N, C-alpha and C. Protein backbone atom coordinates (compact mmCIF):
# COMPACT_ATOMS: atom_id res chain seq x y z
N MET A 1 150.67 49.14 15.37
CA MET A 1 149.80 49.82 16.33
C MET A 1 149.18 48.79 17.27
N LYS A 2 149.32 48.97 18.54
CA LYS A 2 148.81 48.02 19.53
C LYS A 2 147.28 48.00 19.50
N PRO A 3 146.65 46.80 19.45
CA PRO A 3 145.18 46.74 19.47
C PRO A 3 144.62 47.14 20.83
N VAL A 4 143.40 47.61 20.82
CA VAL A 4 142.69 47.93 22.05
C VAL A 4 142.17 46.62 22.63
N ARG A 5 142.50 46.34 23.87
CA ARG A 5 142.07 45.08 24.50
C ARG A 5 140.72 45.31 25.18
N LEU A 6 139.73 44.58 24.72
CA LEU A 6 138.36 44.74 25.20
C LEU A 6 137.90 43.51 25.95
N PHE A 7 137.38 43.69 27.17
CA PHE A 7 136.64 42.66 27.88
C PHE A 7 135.16 42.97 27.67
N SER A 8 134.40 41.99 27.19
CA SER A 8 132.98 42.25 26.95
C SER A 8 132.10 41.11 27.43
N THR A 9 130.98 41.46 28.02
CA THR A 9 129.96 40.49 28.35
C THR A 9 129.40 39.86 27.08
N LEU A 10 128.94 38.62 27.19
CA LEU A 10 128.42 37.90 26.04
C LEU A 10 127.17 38.56 25.45
N ALA A 11 126.41 39.26 26.27
CA ALA A 11 125.12 39.77 25.83
C ALA A 11 125.21 40.75 24.67
N VAL A 12 126.33 41.43 24.51
CA VAL A 12 126.47 42.38 23.41
C VAL A 12 127.36 41.85 22.29
N ARG A 13 127.79 40.60 22.39
CA ARG A 13 128.72 40.08 21.39
C ARG A 13 128.14 40.09 19.97
N LEU A 14 126.87 39.72 19.83
CA LEU A 14 126.28 39.66 18.50
C LEU A 14 126.35 41.02 17.82
N ALA A 15 126.06 42.09 18.57
CA ALA A 15 126.13 43.43 17.99
C ALA A 15 127.56 43.82 17.66
N LEU A 16 128.49 43.49 18.55
CA LEU A 16 129.90 43.83 18.29
C LEU A 16 130.41 43.10 17.05
N ASP A 17 130.06 41.80 16.95
CA ASP A 17 130.48 41.02 15.79
C ASP A 17 129.78 41.47 14.51
N ALA A 18 128.56 41.99 14.65
CA ALA A 18 127.77 42.38 13.48
C ALA A 18 128.18 43.71 12.88
N GLY A 19 129.15 44.39 13.50
CA GLY A 19 129.63 45.61 12.87
C GLY A 19 130.13 46.69 13.79
N VAL A 20 129.80 46.65 15.06
CA VAL A 20 130.21 47.73 15.96
C VAL A 20 131.73 47.86 16.00
N LEU A 21 132.43 46.74 16.16
CA LEU A 21 133.89 46.81 16.24
C LEU A 21 134.51 47.08 14.87
N ALA A 22 133.95 46.50 13.83
CA ALA A 22 134.47 46.75 12.49
C ALA A 22 134.30 48.22 12.11
N ASP A 23 133.17 48.82 12.51
CA ASP A 23 132.94 50.24 12.24
C ASP A 23 134.00 51.08 12.93
N PHE A 24 134.34 50.71 14.18
CA PHE A 24 135.35 51.46 14.94
C PHE A 24 136.71 51.36 14.26
N THR A 25 137.09 50.16 13.85
CA THR A 25 138.38 49.98 13.19
C THR A 25 138.44 50.74 11.88
N ALA A 26 137.35 50.71 11.11
CA ALA A 26 137.32 51.42 9.84
C ALA A 26 137.46 52.93 10.04
N ALA A 27 136.87 53.44 11.12
CA ALA A 27 136.87 54.88 11.36
C ALA A 27 138.18 55.37 11.96
N THR A 28 138.84 54.53 12.75
CA THR A 28 140.02 54.99 13.51
C THR A 28 141.32 54.30 13.13
N GLY A 29 141.24 53.14 12.49
CA GLY A 29 142.43 52.37 12.19
C GLY A 29 142.91 51.48 13.34
N HIS A 30 142.23 51.55 14.48
CA HIS A 30 142.63 50.76 15.64
C HIS A 30 141.91 49.41 15.64
N GLU A 31 142.66 48.33 15.69
CA GLU A 31 142.09 47.00 15.84
C GLU A 31 141.65 46.80 17.29
N VAL A 32 140.69 45.88 17.47
CA VAL A 32 140.20 45.56 18.81
C VAL A 32 140.41 44.07 19.06
N GLU A 33 141.05 43.75 20.16
CA GLU A 33 141.26 42.37 20.60
C GLU A 33 140.24 42.09 21.70
N ALA A 34 139.19 41.31 21.37
CA ALA A 34 138.07 41.14 22.29
C ALA A 34 138.12 39.82 23.03
N VAL A 35 137.80 39.87 24.31
CA VAL A 35 137.64 38.69 25.16
C VAL A 35 136.19 38.69 25.62
N TYR A 36 135.45 37.61 25.31
CA TYR A 36 134.03 37.55 25.64
C TYR A 36 133.78 36.52 26.73
N ASP A 37 133.10 36.96 27.78
CA ASP A 37 132.71 36.08 28.88
C ASP A 37 131.61 36.79 29.68
N PRO A 38 130.86 36.05 30.51
CA PRO A 38 129.94 36.74 31.42
C PRO A 38 130.70 37.73 32.31
N THR A 39 130.02 38.78 32.73
CA THR A 39 130.68 39.81 33.54
C THR A 39 131.35 39.20 34.77
N ASN A 40 130.68 38.25 35.43
CA ASN A 40 131.27 37.65 36.64
C ASN A 40 132.60 36.96 36.34
N VAL A 41 132.71 36.35 35.17
CA VAL A 41 133.96 35.68 34.79
C VAL A 41 135.03 36.72 34.47
N LEU A 42 134.64 37.79 33.80
CA LEU A 42 135.60 38.86 33.52
C LEU A 42 136.10 39.50 34.81
N LEU A 43 135.23 39.62 35.79
CA LEU A 43 135.67 40.17 37.09
C LEU A 43 136.71 39.28 37.74
N GLN A 44 136.57 37.97 37.56
CA GLN A 44 137.58 37.06 38.11
C GLN A 44 138.94 37.27 37.45
N ARG A 45 138.93 37.56 36.14
CA ARG A 45 140.19 37.84 35.46
C ARG A 45 140.85 39.09 36.04
N ILE A 46 140.03 40.10 36.29
CA ILE A 46 140.56 41.34 36.86
C ILE A 46 141.11 41.10 38.26
N GLU A 47 140.42 40.26 39.04
CA GLU A 47 140.91 39.94 40.38
C GLU A 47 142.30 39.29 40.33
N HIS A 48 142.59 38.62 39.21
CA HIS A 48 143.91 38.00 39.03
C HIS A 48 144.86 38.92 38.25
N HIS A 49 144.54 40.21 38.25
CA HIS A 49 145.40 41.26 37.69
C HIS A 49 145.54 41.17 36.17
N ASP A 50 144.49 40.71 35.52
CA ASP A 50 144.41 40.71 34.05
C ASP A 50 143.48 41.86 33.68
N TYR A 51 144.04 42.97 33.20
CA TYR A 51 143.26 44.20 33.02
C TYR A 51 143.01 44.52 31.55
N PRO A 52 141.81 45.00 31.24
CA PRO A 52 141.51 45.42 29.86
C PRO A 52 141.79 46.91 29.65
N ASP A 53 141.83 47.29 28.39
CA ASP A 53 141.84 48.72 28.06
C ASP A 53 140.43 49.31 28.14
N VAL A 54 139.46 48.47 27.75
CA VAL A 54 138.05 48.85 27.79
C VAL A 54 137.25 47.65 28.27
N MET A 55 136.19 47.91 29.04
CA MET A 55 135.34 46.82 29.50
C MET A 55 133.88 47.17 29.28
N ILE A 56 133.12 46.17 28.79
CA ILE A 56 131.67 46.27 28.72
C ILE A 56 131.11 45.22 29.66
N GLY A 57 130.25 45.63 30.57
CA GLY A 57 129.69 44.68 31.53
C GLY A 57 128.45 45.23 32.20
N VAL A 58 127.96 44.48 33.15
CA VAL A 58 126.78 44.89 33.91
C VAL A 58 127.08 46.21 34.63
N GLY A 59 126.19 47.17 34.46
CA GLY A 59 126.47 48.54 34.88
C GLY A 59 126.86 48.68 36.33
N HIS A 60 126.10 48.05 37.24
CA HIS A 60 126.41 48.26 38.67
C HIS A 60 127.72 47.61 39.06
N GLN A 61 128.10 46.54 38.36
CA GLN A 61 129.37 45.90 38.66
C GLN A 61 130.54 46.74 38.15
N LEU A 62 130.37 47.39 37.00
CA LEU A 62 131.41 48.29 36.53
C LEU A 62 131.54 49.50 37.45
N ALA A 63 130.42 49.95 38.00
CA ALA A 63 130.46 51.08 38.93
C ALA A 63 131.34 50.76 40.14
N GLU A 64 131.30 49.51 40.58
CA GLU A 64 132.15 49.11 41.71
C GLU A 64 133.63 49.17 41.33
N LEU A 65 133.94 48.79 40.07
CA LEU A 65 135.33 48.87 39.62
C LEU A 65 135.79 50.31 39.46
N VAL A 66 134.87 51.19 39.07
CA VAL A 66 135.19 52.62 39.00
C VAL A 66 135.52 53.14 40.40
N ALA A 67 134.69 52.77 41.36
CA ALA A 67 134.91 53.22 42.75
C ALA A 67 136.24 52.71 43.30
N ALA A 68 136.65 51.53 42.83
CA ALA A 68 137.92 50.95 43.30
C ALA A 68 139.12 51.47 42.53
N GLY A 69 138.89 52.31 41.51
CA GLY A 69 139.98 52.88 40.74
C GLY A 69 140.52 51.98 39.64
N VAL A 70 139.84 50.85 39.38
CA VAL A 70 140.29 49.93 38.32
C VAL A 70 139.86 50.45 36.96
N LEU A 71 138.69 51.06 36.88
CA LEU A 71 138.17 51.63 35.65
C LEU A 71 137.89 53.10 35.83
N ASP A 72 137.88 53.82 34.71
CA ASP A 72 137.43 55.20 34.73
C ASP A 72 135.90 55.24 34.65
N GLU A 73 135.32 56.40 34.58
CA GLU A 73 133.87 56.55 34.62
C GLU A 73 133.19 55.71 33.54
N ALA A 74 132.12 55.01 33.96
CA ALA A 74 131.39 54.14 33.05
C ALA A 74 130.24 54.89 32.38
N VAL A 75 129.96 54.50 31.13
CA VAL A 75 128.87 55.10 30.35
C VAL A 75 127.87 54.00 30.00
N GLU A 76 126.60 54.17 30.35
CA GLU A 76 125.58 53.17 30.01
C GLU A 76 125.36 53.17 28.51
N ILE A 77 125.27 51.95 27.92
CA ILE A 77 125.13 51.86 26.47
C ILE A 77 123.89 51.12 26.01
N ALA A 78 123.37 50.18 26.80
CA ALA A 78 122.22 49.39 26.34
C ALA A 78 121.63 48.62 27.52
N ARG A 79 120.45 48.08 27.31
CA ARG A 79 119.87 47.17 28.29
C ARG A 79 119.17 46.03 27.55
N VAL A 80 118.91 44.94 28.29
CA VAL A 80 118.27 43.79 27.66
C VAL A 80 117.46 43.03 28.70
N GLY A 81 116.37 42.43 28.25
CA GLY A 81 115.55 41.59 29.11
C GLY A 81 115.86 40.12 28.90
N VAL A 82 115.22 39.28 29.70
CA VAL A 82 115.41 37.83 29.66
C VAL A 82 114.31 37.21 28.80
N GLY A 83 114.67 36.19 28.03
CA GLY A 83 113.70 35.53 27.18
C GLY A 83 113.83 34.02 27.24
N VAL A 84 112.98 33.38 26.44
CA VAL A 84 112.93 31.92 26.38
C VAL A 84 113.02 31.49 24.91
N ALA A 85 113.77 30.43 24.64
CA ALA A 85 113.88 29.88 23.30
C ALA A 85 113.54 28.40 23.33
N ALA A 86 113.11 27.88 22.18
CA ALA A 86 112.73 26.48 22.02
C ALA A 86 113.55 25.87 20.89
N PRO A 87 113.56 24.54 20.78
CA PRO A 87 114.36 23.89 19.73
C PRO A 87 113.85 24.22 18.33
N PRO A 88 114.69 23.99 17.32
CA PRO A 88 114.24 24.13 15.94
C PRO A 88 113.12 23.14 15.65
N GLY A 89 112.32 23.44 14.63
CA GLY A 89 111.25 22.53 14.25
C GLY A 89 109.95 23.25 14.04
N GLU A 90 108.90 22.47 13.90
CA GLU A 90 107.58 23.03 13.59
C GLU A 90 106.59 22.89 14.73
N GLY A 91 107.03 22.37 15.87
CA GLY A 91 106.11 22.16 16.99
C GLY A 91 105.57 23.46 17.55
N GLU A 92 104.48 23.36 18.29
CA GLU A 92 103.85 24.54 18.88
C GLU A 92 104.73 25.11 19.99
N LEU A 93 104.86 26.41 19.98
CA LEU A 93 105.65 27.07 21.02
C LEU A 93 104.81 27.22 22.29
N PRO A 94 105.43 27.12 23.46
CA PRO A 94 104.67 27.25 24.69
C PRO A 94 104.20 28.69 24.92
N ASP A 95 103.14 28.82 25.67
CA ASP A 95 102.62 30.14 26.06
C ASP A 95 103.38 30.61 27.29
N ILE A 96 104.03 31.77 27.20
CA ILE A 96 104.71 32.34 28.37
C ILE A 96 104.25 33.77 28.58
N SER A 97 103.04 34.07 28.15
CA SER A 97 102.55 35.45 28.16
C SER A 97 102.18 35.96 29.55
N THR A 98 101.94 35.04 30.49
CA THR A 98 101.64 35.42 31.87
C THR A 98 102.57 34.65 32.79
N VAL A 99 102.63 35.07 34.04
CA VAL A 99 103.47 34.37 35.01
C VAL A 99 102.99 32.94 35.20
N GLU A 100 101.68 32.75 35.25
CA GLU A 100 101.15 31.40 35.44
C GLU A 100 101.45 30.49 34.26
N SER A 101 101.31 31.02 33.05
CA SER A 101 101.62 30.18 31.88
C SER A 101 103.12 29.92 31.77
N LEU A 102 103.94 30.87 32.18
CA LEU A 102 105.38 30.65 32.22
C LEU A 102 105.72 29.52 33.19
N LYS A 103 105.13 29.56 34.39
CA LYS A 103 105.36 28.50 35.37
C LYS A 103 104.97 27.14 34.79
N ALA A 104 103.82 27.09 34.14
CA ALA A 104 103.34 25.83 33.58
C ALA A 104 104.30 25.31 32.51
N ALA A 105 104.81 26.21 31.67
CA ALA A 105 105.73 25.81 30.61
C ALA A 105 107.04 25.29 31.18
N LEU A 106 107.55 25.93 32.21
CA LEU A 106 108.82 25.51 32.81
C LEU A 106 108.69 24.16 33.50
N VAL A 107 107.57 23.95 34.18
CA VAL A 107 107.36 22.69 34.88
C VAL A 107 107.13 21.55 33.89
N ALA A 108 106.46 21.86 32.78
CA ALA A 108 106.14 20.82 31.79
C ALA A 108 107.35 20.42 30.95
N ALA A 109 108.33 21.29 30.83
CA ALA A 109 109.49 21.00 29.98
C ALA A 109 110.29 19.81 30.52
N ARG A 110 110.76 18.98 29.60
CA ARG A 110 111.61 17.86 29.99
C ARG A 110 112.87 18.36 30.67
N SER A 111 113.44 19.46 30.15
CA SER A 111 114.63 20.05 30.74
C SER A 111 114.72 21.51 30.33
N VAL A 112 115.11 22.36 31.27
CA VAL A 112 115.29 23.80 31.03
C VAL A 112 116.76 24.13 31.22
N ALA A 113 117.32 24.87 30.26
CA ALA A 113 118.73 25.24 30.34
C ALA A 113 118.87 26.71 30.71
N TYR A 114 119.83 27.01 31.57
CA TYR A 114 120.16 28.39 31.89
C TYR A 114 121.62 28.46 32.33
N SER A 115 122.12 29.69 32.45
CA SER A 115 123.53 29.91 32.72
C SER A 115 123.80 30.00 34.22
N GLN A 116 124.94 29.47 34.61
CA GLN A 116 125.32 29.52 36.02
C GLN A 116 125.93 30.86 36.41
N THR A 117 126.73 31.45 35.50
CA THR A 117 127.49 32.64 35.87
C THR A 117 126.97 33.93 35.25
N GLY A 118 126.13 33.84 34.22
CA GLY A 118 125.64 35.05 33.57
C GLY A 118 124.58 35.75 34.40
N ALA A 119 124.36 37.03 34.11
CA ALA A 119 123.38 37.81 34.85
C ALA A 119 121.99 37.21 34.74
N SER A 120 121.64 36.71 33.54
CA SER A 120 120.32 36.13 33.36
C SER A 120 120.14 34.86 34.18
N GLY A 121 121.20 34.04 34.26
CA GLY A 121 121.10 32.81 35.02
C GLY A 121 120.97 33.04 36.51
N VAL A 122 121.71 34.01 37.01
CA VAL A 122 121.61 34.36 38.43
C VAL A 122 120.19 34.83 38.74
N TYR A 123 119.63 35.66 37.86
CA TYR A 123 118.26 36.13 38.07
C TYR A 123 117.27 34.98 37.96
N PHE A 124 117.42 34.13 36.93
CA PHE A 124 116.45 33.06 36.70
C PHE A 124 116.42 32.09 37.87
N ALA A 125 117.58 31.80 38.46
CA ALA A 125 117.61 30.92 39.63
C ALA A 125 116.78 31.51 40.76
N SER A 126 116.88 32.82 40.96
CA SER A 126 116.08 33.47 42.01
C SER A 126 114.60 33.50 41.64
N LEU A 127 114.30 33.65 40.34
CA LEU A 127 112.91 33.65 39.90
C LEU A 127 112.26 32.29 40.15
N LEU A 128 112.98 31.21 39.86
CA LEU A 128 112.43 29.88 40.12
C LEU A 128 112.06 29.73 41.59
N ALA A 129 112.92 30.23 42.47
CA ALA A 129 112.62 30.16 43.90
C ALA A 129 111.40 31.00 44.24
N ASP A 130 111.31 32.20 43.67
CA ASP A 130 110.17 33.07 43.94
C ASP A 130 108.86 32.45 43.44
N LEU A 131 108.93 31.72 42.33
CA LEU A 131 107.73 31.09 41.77
C LEU A 131 107.38 29.78 42.47
N GLY A 132 108.27 29.31 43.33
CA GLY A 132 108.00 28.09 44.08
C GLY A 132 108.19 26.81 43.28
N ILE A 133 108.98 26.88 42.20
CA ILE A 133 109.17 25.70 41.34
C ILE A 133 110.65 25.32 41.19
N ALA A 134 111.49 25.86 42.05
CA ALA A 134 112.93 25.63 41.90
C ALA A 134 113.28 24.14 41.97
N ASP A 135 112.72 23.42 42.93
CA ASP A 135 113.06 22.01 43.09
C ASP A 135 112.65 21.21 41.85
N ARG A 136 111.44 21.48 41.35
CA ARG A 136 110.94 20.70 40.20
C ARG A 136 111.74 20.98 38.93
N VAL A 137 112.07 22.25 38.70
CA VAL A 137 112.79 22.60 37.47
C VAL A 137 114.26 22.19 37.58
N ASN A 138 114.88 22.47 38.71
CA ASN A 138 116.31 22.19 38.85
C ASN A 138 116.63 20.71 38.91
N ALA A 139 115.65 19.89 39.24
CA ALA A 139 115.88 18.45 39.31
C ALA A 139 116.29 17.89 37.94
N ARG A 140 115.90 18.58 36.86
CA ARG A 140 116.24 18.08 35.52
C ARG A 140 116.76 19.22 34.63
N ALA A 141 117.25 20.27 35.25
CA ALA A 141 117.77 21.42 34.49
C ALA A 141 119.16 21.14 33.94
N ILE A 142 119.49 21.85 32.87
CA ILE A 142 120.85 21.87 32.33
C ILE A 142 121.43 23.24 32.69
N VAL A 143 122.35 23.26 33.64
CA VAL A 143 122.96 24.51 34.09
C VAL A 143 124.32 24.63 33.43
N VAL A 144 124.44 25.57 32.50
CA VAL A 144 125.67 25.77 31.73
C VAL A 144 126.55 26.76 32.47
N GLU A 145 127.82 26.43 32.60
CA GLU A 145 128.72 27.32 33.35
C GLU A 145 128.76 28.71 32.72
N LYS A 146 128.92 28.76 31.39
CA LYS A 146 128.93 30.02 30.67
C LYS A 146 128.71 29.72 29.20
N GLY A 147 128.43 30.75 28.42
CA GLY A 147 128.20 30.55 26.99
C GLY A 147 126.75 30.76 26.61
N PHE A 148 126.42 30.33 25.41
CA PHE A 148 125.08 30.56 24.86
C PHE A 148 124.23 29.32 25.11
N VAL A 149 123.29 29.44 26.04
CA VAL A 149 122.55 28.26 26.50
C VAL A 149 121.63 27.69 25.44
N ALA A 150 121.23 28.49 24.44
CA ALA A 150 120.36 27.96 23.40
C ALA A 150 121.02 26.86 22.59
N GLU A 151 122.35 26.73 22.68
CA GLU A 151 123.03 25.64 22.00
C GLU A 151 122.59 24.28 22.54
N THR A 152 122.09 24.24 23.79
CA THR A 152 121.61 22.97 24.35
C THR A 152 120.31 22.52 23.68
N LEU A 153 119.64 23.42 22.97
CA LEU A 153 118.42 23.05 22.26
C LEU A 153 118.72 22.31 20.97
N LEU A 154 119.92 22.51 20.43
CA LEU A 154 120.27 21.95 19.13
C LEU A 154 120.65 20.49 19.21
N ASP A 155 121.16 20.05 20.37
CA ASP A 155 121.56 18.65 20.51
C ASP A 155 120.61 17.86 21.39
N GLY A 156 119.45 18.45 21.71
CA GLY A 156 118.41 17.73 22.43
C GLY A 156 118.57 17.68 23.93
N ARG A 157 119.55 18.40 24.47
CA ARG A 157 119.72 18.35 25.93
C ARG A 157 118.60 19.06 26.67
N ALA A 158 118.01 20.08 26.05
CA ALA A 158 116.98 20.87 26.73
C ALA A 158 115.79 21.13 25.81
N ASP A 159 114.64 21.31 26.41
CA ASP A 159 113.42 21.69 25.69
C ASP A 159 113.23 23.20 25.64
N LEU A 160 113.74 23.89 26.67
CA LEU A 160 113.65 25.34 26.73
C LEU A 160 114.99 25.89 27.21
N ALA A 161 115.34 27.07 26.72
CA ALA A 161 116.56 27.76 27.16
C ALA A 161 116.17 29.16 27.61
N VAL A 162 116.72 29.58 28.73
CA VAL A 162 116.41 30.89 29.30
C VAL A 162 117.70 31.68 29.39
N GLN A 163 117.72 32.84 28.76
CA GLN A 163 118.90 33.71 28.79
C GLN A 163 118.48 35.09 28.30
N GLN A 164 119.40 36.03 28.34
CA GLN A 164 119.09 37.35 27.81
C GLN A 164 118.76 37.24 26.32
N LEU A 165 117.82 38.07 25.88
CA LEU A 165 117.30 37.95 24.52
C LEU A 165 118.39 38.05 23.47
N SER A 166 119.35 38.93 23.67
CA SER A 166 120.41 39.09 22.68
C SER A 166 121.31 37.87 22.62
N GLU A 167 121.45 37.14 23.73
CA GLU A 167 122.26 35.93 23.74
C GLU A 167 121.51 34.77 23.08
N LEU A 168 120.20 34.69 23.27
CA LEU A 168 119.41 33.67 22.59
C LEU A 168 119.50 33.84 21.08
N ARG A 169 119.54 35.08 20.62
CA ARG A 169 119.59 35.34 19.19
C ARG A 169 120.95 35.00 18.58
N PHE A 170 121.92 34.73 19.41
CA PHE A 170 123.24 34.33 18.90
C PHE A 170 123.18 32.92 18.33
N VAL A 171 122.13 32.19 18.63
CA VAL A 171 121.93 30.82 18.11
C VAL A 171 120.71 30.87 17.21
N PRO A 172 120.86 31.25 15.94
CA PRO A 172 119.71 31.52 15.08
C PRO A 172 118.84 30.30 14.79
N GLU A 173 119.39 29.09 14.93
CA GLU A 173 118.58 27.90 14.67
C GLU A 173 117.49 27.71 15.72
N ALA A 174 117.73 28.20 16.93
CA ALA A 174 116.73 28.10 17.98
C ALA A 174 115.56 29.03 17.68
N ARG A 175 114.38 28.64 18.13
CA ARG A 175 113.19 29.47 17.92
C ARG A 175 112.93 30.32 19.16
N LEU A 176 112.85 31.61 18.98
CA LEU A 176 112.60 32.51 20.10
C LEU A 176 111.13 32.45 20.48
N VAL A 177 110.85 32.01 21.70
CA VAL A 177 109.48 32.00 22.20
C VAL A 177 109.03 33.41 22.52
N GLY A 178 109.92 34.19 23.16
CA GLY A 178 109.62 35.57 23.48
C GLY A 178 110.23 35.98 24.80
N PRO A 179 110.02 37.23 25.19
CA PRO A 179 110.51 37.69 26.49
C PRO A 179 109.67 37.15 27.64
N LEU A 180 110.24 37.13 28.82
CA LEU A 180 109.45 36.80 30.01
C LEU A 180 108.32 37.81 30.15
N PRO A 181 107.19 37.40 30.73
CA PRO A 181 106.12 38.38 30.98
C PRO A 181 106.63 39.51 31.87
N GLU A 182 106.08 40.68 31.68
CA GLU A 182 106.63 41.86 32.35
C GLU A 182 106.67 41.70 33.87
N ALA A 183 105.69 41.00 34.43
CA ALA A 183 105.66 40.83 35.89
C ALA A 183 106.81 39.95 36.39
N ALA A 184 107.43 39.18 35.48
CA ALA A 184 108.56 38.33 35.86
C ALA A 184 109.85 38.77 35.18
N GLN A 185 109.80 39.88 34.45
CA GLN A 185 110.94 40.31 33.64
C GLN A 185 112.01 40.98 34.50
N HIS A 186 113.23 40.88 33.98
CA HIS A 186 114.37 41.53 34.64
C HIS A 186 115.27 42.11 33.56
N TYR A 187 115.55 43.40 33.66
CA TYR A 187 116.40 44.06 32.68
C TYR A 187 117.80 44.27 33.27
N THR A 188 118.79 43.99 32.44
CA THR A 188 120.17 44.25 32.81
C THR A 188 120.70 45.40 31.98
N VAL A 189 121.26 46.39 32.65
CA VAL A 189 121.85 47.54 31.97
C VAL A 189 123.34 47.31 31.82
N PHE A 190 123.84 47.53 30.61
CA PHE A 190 125.26 47.36 30.33
C PHE A 190 125.94 48.72 30.14
N ALA A 191 127.18 48.79 30.58
CA ALA A 191 127.95 50.02 30.48
C ALA A 191 129.32 49.69 29.89
N ALA A 192 129.99 50.73 29.42
CA ALA A 192 131.35 50.61 28.91
C ALA A 192 132.23 51.60 29.66
N ALA A 193 133.46 51.20 29.91
CA ALA A 193 134.39 52.07 30.63
C ALA A 193 135.82 51.76 30.20
N THR A 194 136.66 52.75 30.26
CA THR A 194 138.09 52.54 29.99
C THR A 194 138.79 52.08 31.26
N GLY A 195 139.86 51.36 31.09
CA GLY A 195 140.71 51.05 32.23
C GLY A 195 141.37 52.31 32.74
N ALA A 196 141.72 52.32 34.01
CA ALA A 196 142.35 53.49 34.60
C ALA A 196 143.63 53.83 33.83
N GLY A 197 143.75 55.09 33.45
CA GLY A 197 144.93 55.54 32.72
C GLY A 197 144.98 55.09 31.28
N ALA A 198 143.83 54.74 30.71
CA ALA A 198 143.79 54.26 29.33
C ALA A 198 144.19 55.34 28.34
N ASP A 199 144.61 54.92 27.15
CA ASP A 199 145.07 55.88 26.15
C ASP A 199 143.93 56.40 25.29
N GLU A 200 144.28 57.22 24.31
CA GLU A 200 143.28 57.87 23.47
C GLU A 200 142.45 56.86 22.68
N ALA A 201 143.07 55.77 22.21
CA ALA A 201 142.34 54.76 21.43
C ALA A 201 141.26 54.11 22.27
N ALA A 202 141.55 53.82 23.53
CA ALA A 202 140.56 53.22 24.42
C ALA A 202 139.40 54.19 24.67
N ARG A 203 139.73 55.45 24.89
CA ARG A 203 138.67 56.43 25.11
C ARG A 203 137.80 56.59 23.85
N ALA A 204 138.44 56.50 22.69
CA ALA A 204 137.68 56.60 21.44
C ALA A 204 136.74 55.41 21.28
N LEU A 205 137.17 54.23 21.70
CA LEU A 205 136.31 53.05 21.61
C LEU A 205 135.09 53.19 22.51
N VAL A 206 135.27 53.68 23.72
CA VAL A 206 134.11 53.87 24.61
C VAL A 206 133.14 54.88 24.02
N ALA A 207 133.65 55.95 23.45
CA ALA A 207 132.78 56.94 22.80
C ALA A 207 132.02 56.30 21.65
N HIS A 208 132.68 55.44 20.89
CA HIS A 208 132.02 54.75 19.78
C HIS A 208 130.94 53.80 20.29
N LEU A 209 131.22 53.08 21.37
CA LEU A 209 130.25 52.13 21.92
C LEU A 209 128.97 52.81 22.39
N ALA A 210 129.07 54.09 22.73
CA ALA A 210 127.89 54.84 23.18
C ALA A 210 127.27 55.68 22.07
N SER A 211 127.78 55.58 20.87
CA SER A 211 127.32 56.43 19.76
C SER A 211 125.98 55.95 19.20
N PRO A 212 125.24 56.84 18.53
CA PRO A 212 123.97 56.43 17.90
C PRO A 212 124.13 55.28 16.92
N ALA A 213 125.23 55.24 16.17
CA ALA A 213 125.45 54.15 15.22
C ALA A 213 125.56 52.81 15.94
N ALA A 214 126.26 52.78 17.07
CA ALA A 214 126.38 51.55 17.83
C ALA A 214 125.04 51.16 18.45
N VAL A 215 124.30 52.13 18.97
CA VAL A 215 122.99 51.85 19.56
C VAL A 215 122.06 51.23 18.52
N ALA A 216 122.14 51.68 17.29
CA ALA A 216 121.32 51.08 16.22
C ALA A 216 121.69 49.61 16.03
N ARG A 217 122.96 49.28 16.12
CA ARG A 217 123.40 47.89 16.02
C ARG A 217 122.86 47.08 17.21
N TYR A 218 122.88 47.67 18.41
CA TYR A 218 122.36 46.96 19.57
C TYR A 218 120.88 46.61 19.36
N ARG A 219 120.12 47.57 18.89
CA ARG A 219 118.68 47.34 18.68
C ARG A 219 118.45 46.23 17.67
N ASP A 220 119.27 46.16 16.66
CA ASP A 220 119.13 45.12 15.62
C ASP A 220 119.38 43.73 16.16
N THR A 221 120.04 43.63 17.29
CA THR A 221 120.41 42.31 17.84
C THR A 221 119.70 42.00 19.15
N GLY A 222 118.59 42.65 19.42
CA GLY A 222 117.76 42.30 20.57
C GLY A 222 117.98 43.10 21.82
N LEU A 223 118.91 44.05 21.79
CA LEU A 223 119.13 44.95 22.92
C LEU A 223 118.25 46.18 22.78
N GLU A 224 118.16 46.96 23.82
CA GLU A 224 117.40 48.20 23.80
C GLU A 224 118.31 49.35 24.18
N GLY A 225 117.92 50.57 23.79
CA GLY A 225 118.60 51.74 24.30
C GLY A 225 118.36 51.85 25.79
N VAL A 226 119.22 52.52 26.50
CA VAL A 226 119.10 52.59 27.95
C VAL A 226 117.87 53.36 28.39
N ALA A 227 117.29 54.15 27.49
CA ALA A 227 116.07 54.86 27.84
C ALA A 227 114.85 53.96 27.73
N GLY A 228 115.06 52.71 27.19
CA GLY A 228 113.96 51.76 27.14
C GLY A 228 113.42 51.62 25.83
């Protein structure tokens, strides 16, 4: 039986690995072959005519693929905010409860890590500009092309890592400082869709990804239901 080929954003990988895909295989007998990358990187694969059976990605970007006929109708499955993590250890965590304290923590850090291609990194770069600290932070920032930026905390490259909360939790050794303050917060909504002309197994996977059982897994890994 041919596996269902899934393109998925990194932000939901922890939930998928923690049981969402295994639950689907157990219930249907269909294996899932998953490719994990930021949505922007997955879009580049599609531009080069590498197509999935099912895709999970940033909702508005999937909507564009639906409009272009590359994907069928997308279903929103979860959302997540941006957070900050610190290295392992016993040191005091910085205060990021307000926009001003967040600014102070970012400027004081020896180095801040964030993603170049992920949704959180694109937002964080714009936030630094809005806060008027882009030059100071970027002068010593660690900008990771893709992947889990909290890994830079483990080898001493960075003092703080900024990424979506579910991605920070993928590196359990890192200490979660918390979400950005609400006035600086940005939520990304994720959706799932089948490729155009997908078969019954692909449609079943999308239905599973939107099911209450899957949503419970998302919540366990730092994501939220789309209703908030």
